[in-house]
Amino acid sequence: MKKTNLTVTVLAGSLCLLVLAGCPKKAVVTPGQPAQRPVPEETDAGVGFEWNLGSINFDFDRSDIRPGDATTLQGNYDQMRTAAARNQNPGITIEGYCDPVGTAEYNMALGMRRAEAAKAYLVRLGASGNQLTTISYGEEKLVTQDERQFELNRRCEFKVAR
């Protein structure tokens, strides 16, 4: 009986030490000094390179790339190529958006089709599909509520993943 109690006590104590050893240490902040935040590994993805990725717009209820937006996509691809030549290959997120006409579900799907169309265009230009991610926000992040300017909501934006 005493041997069992001793074994349980030793196991419980070992478990407590193991749990405590795994807990992160609290950072000590000296008054007057800013707190240090951990820096993610990908923060330098665009260091030394000035990104200026353009956005593209779409016609109502369409996801095909308009001829006038081909220049913008070519410019985005050229920036990706320049960054790759400098050994900086950050991921690019392509965000698809819609105007508020239609159901939320339909607009989420349409936003994704728009983002995927932009991705496919960049891949045809030579971009790596692995470097590009797509997401749809549908009608969630409107640029304008003015019905006369809804074209501004029908867009894809390109963001550098840092």
Foldseek 3Di string as FASTA:
>chain_A
DVVVVVVVVVVVVVVVVVVVVPDDDDDDDDPPDDDDDDDDPLPCLQPPHDDDQDKAWDDPPDQAGDPVCLVSLVVNLVSQVVSVVVVRQFAKEKEFEAAPPDDQVVQQVSRQSNSVNSLVSSVVVPDDSVRYHYGYPRNPDAPDPDPVVRRSRGMIDMDGDD
